[in-house]
Structure formats: structure tokens, C-alpha cells
């Protein structure tokens, strides 16, 4: 993972899946705490996470509405945005490159 951490916000209807992913991610006691973290937050709090200056990239798989919302927010700052929307029938993907300028 080259020093990168993963923060995950699962859909609110799958909390047990989110916990299982975190528990089974393959981490060992040698890995630092927080390398993979499930964020049990509502969609209203996602903007706060995306806006955090420590967040350097955002990936989303979900509805078209969620994709538009997250991509619009994440696109306001120089970070990678990988957006695959359409639920189980992915229909659009876009990628915004990381800018090296401050």
C-alpha cells in the first residue's frame, strides 16, 4: 500500500458487510492502526471527509446521484477522482488527474 491508508464509507444498508471487510482486510498486528478504516457515517457527512486536506483521492461505486455529488465536491480540489456509477450496472466512469500544483 506504499504508505497510503484506506477510508471506506459503505452504504448504510450494509453495516455488517462493512465490518466484515474491515475485519478481513488481511491486516496483521505488524500493520499500523488505521491502515483500513470503515467510516460508519451518513451521506450528509461525506463532504467533510472529501474536504479534509489529508484526503488525496476519492473512489466511488454507487448510484448516479451519489457519483455526481461526490465528484462535484472532490473535483473542487486537486485530487484524484475515480467515479463509477450506476449501482450494479456501472454505466459511467470518469477520472480527474491529480494536479501537482498547490
Protein backbone atom coordinates (compact mmCIF):
# COMPACT_ATOMS: atom_id res chain seq x y z
CA UNK A 1 0.00 0.00 0.00
CA UNK A 2 3.07 2.23 -0.08
CA UNK A 3 2.10 4.25 2.97
CA UNK A 4 -1.44 5.01 1.88
CA UNK A 5 -4.42 4.39 4.13
CA UNK A 6 -7.89 3.42 3.02
CA UNK A 7 -11.04 5.00 4.42
CA UNK A 8 -14.28 3.32 3.39
CA UNK A 9 -17.85 4.57 3.68
CA UNK A 10 -20.22 1.72 2.86
CA UNK A 11 -23.91 2.17 2.14
CA UNK A 12 -25.93 2.41 5.33
CA UNK A 13 -27.90 -0.70 4.41
CA UNK A 14 -24.82 -2.98 4.65
CA UNK A 15 -23.23 -2.25 8.05
CA UNK A 16 -22.35 -5.89 8.70
CA UNK A 17 -20.59 -6.14 5.33
CA UNK A 18 -18.58 -3.04 6.18
CA UNK A 19 -17.49 -4.56 9.48
CA UNK A 20 -16.61 -7.87 7.79
CA UNK A 21 -14.48 -6.09 5.18
CA UNK A 22 -12.58 -4.26 7.90
CA UNK A 23 -12.06 -7.42 9.95
CA UNK A 24 -10.95 -9.49 6.95
CA UNK A 25 -8.83 -6.98 5.06
CA UNK A 26 -5.74 -9.06 5.74
CA UNK A 27 -4.11 -6.79 8.27
CA UNK A 28 -1.74 -8.21 10.83
CA UNK A 29 -0.51 -6.79 14.15
CA UNK A 30 2.52 -5.53 12.21
CA UNK A 31 0.33 -3.10 10.26
CA UNK A 32 -0.19 0.35 11.78
CA UNK A 33 -3.61 1.09 13.25
CA UNK A 34 -5.94 2.92 10.88
CA UNK A 35 -4.49 1.46 7.68
CA UNK A 36 -8.01 0.38 6.70
CA UNK A 37 -10.88 2.16 8.42
CA UNK A 38 -14.60 1.82 7.97
CA UNK A 39 -16.37 5.16 8.41
CA UNK A 40 -19.91 4.46 9.69
CA UNK A 41 -21.16 7.91 8.72
CA UNK A 42 -24.28 9.14 6.95
CA UNK A 43 -24.09 10.52 3.44
CA UNK A 44 -24.56 14.00 4.90
CA UNK A 45 -21.05 13.75 6.40
CA UNK A 46 -19.24 12.64 3.25
CA UNK A 47 -18.42 16.24 2.20
CA UNK A 48 -16.45 16.72 5.42
CA UNK A 49 -14.31 13.68 4.61
CA UNK A 50 -13.78 14.70 0.98
CA UNK A 51 -12.84 18.24 2.07
CA UNK A 52 -10.22 17.06 4.58
CA UNK A 53 -6.77 18.12 3.30
CA UNK A 54 -5.34 14.72 4.22
CA UNK A 55 -7.57 13.05 1.62
CA UNK A 56 -5.62 12.78 -1.63
CA UNK A 57 -8.02 10.70 -3.70
CA UNK A 58 -11.62 9.60 -3.84
CA UNK A 59 -13.12 6.50 -5.45
CA UNK A 60 -16.82 5.79 -5.59
CA UNK A 61 -19.04 2.97 -6.69
CA UNK A 62 -22.69 3.73 -6.26
CA UNK A 63 -25.70 5.48 -7.68
CA UNK A 64 -25.54 8.14 -10.35
CA UNK A 65 -26.77 10.72 -7.82
CA UNK A 66 -24.05 9.77 -5.33
CA UNK A 67 -21.45 9.87 -8.08
CA UNK A 68 -22.47 13.34 -9.20
CA UNK A 69 -22.45 14.64 -5.65
CA UNK A 70 -19.08 13.19 -4.65
CA UNK A 71 -17.41 14.01 -7.99
CA UNK A 72 -18.62 17.61 -7.83
CA UNK A 73 -17.26 18.02 -4.32
CA UNK A 74 -13.98 16.19 -4.90
CA UNK A 75 -13.43 17.98 -8.20
CA UNK A 76 -13.11 21.28 -6.34
CA UNK A 77 -9.63 20.37 -5.11
CA UNK A 78 -6.57 18.87 -6.81
CA UNK A 79 -7.03 15.19 -6.05
CA UNK A 80 -7.72 12.00 -7.95
CA UNK A 81 -11.37 11.25 -8.53
CA UNK A 82 -12.39 7.84 -9.82
CA UNK A 83 -16.12 7.64 -10.18
CA UNK A 84 -18.00 4.53 -11.28
CA UNK A 85 -21.73 4.98 -11.05
CA UNK A 86 -24.81 3.00 -11.89
CA UNK A 87 -25.03 0.62 -8.93
CA UNK A 88 -24.70 -2.97 -10.05
CA UNK A 89 -24.91 -1.89 -13.69
CA UNK A 90 -21.98 0.51 -13.97
CA UNK A 91 -22.68 2.94 -16.76
CA UNK A 92 -20.19 5.80 -16.50
CA UNK A 93 -16.67 6.32 -15.27
CA UNK A 94 -14.57 9.44 -15.17
CA UNK A 95 -11.09 10.15 -13.92
CA UNK A 96 -9.70 13.52 -12.95
CA UNK A 97 -5.88 13.52 -12.76
CA UNK A 98 -4.01 14.65 -9.70
CA UNK A 99 -2.62 18.15 -10.14
CA UNK A 100 0.94 18.72 -8.96
CA UNK A 101 0.27 22.38 -8.37
CA UNK A 102 -0.74 23.61 -4.92
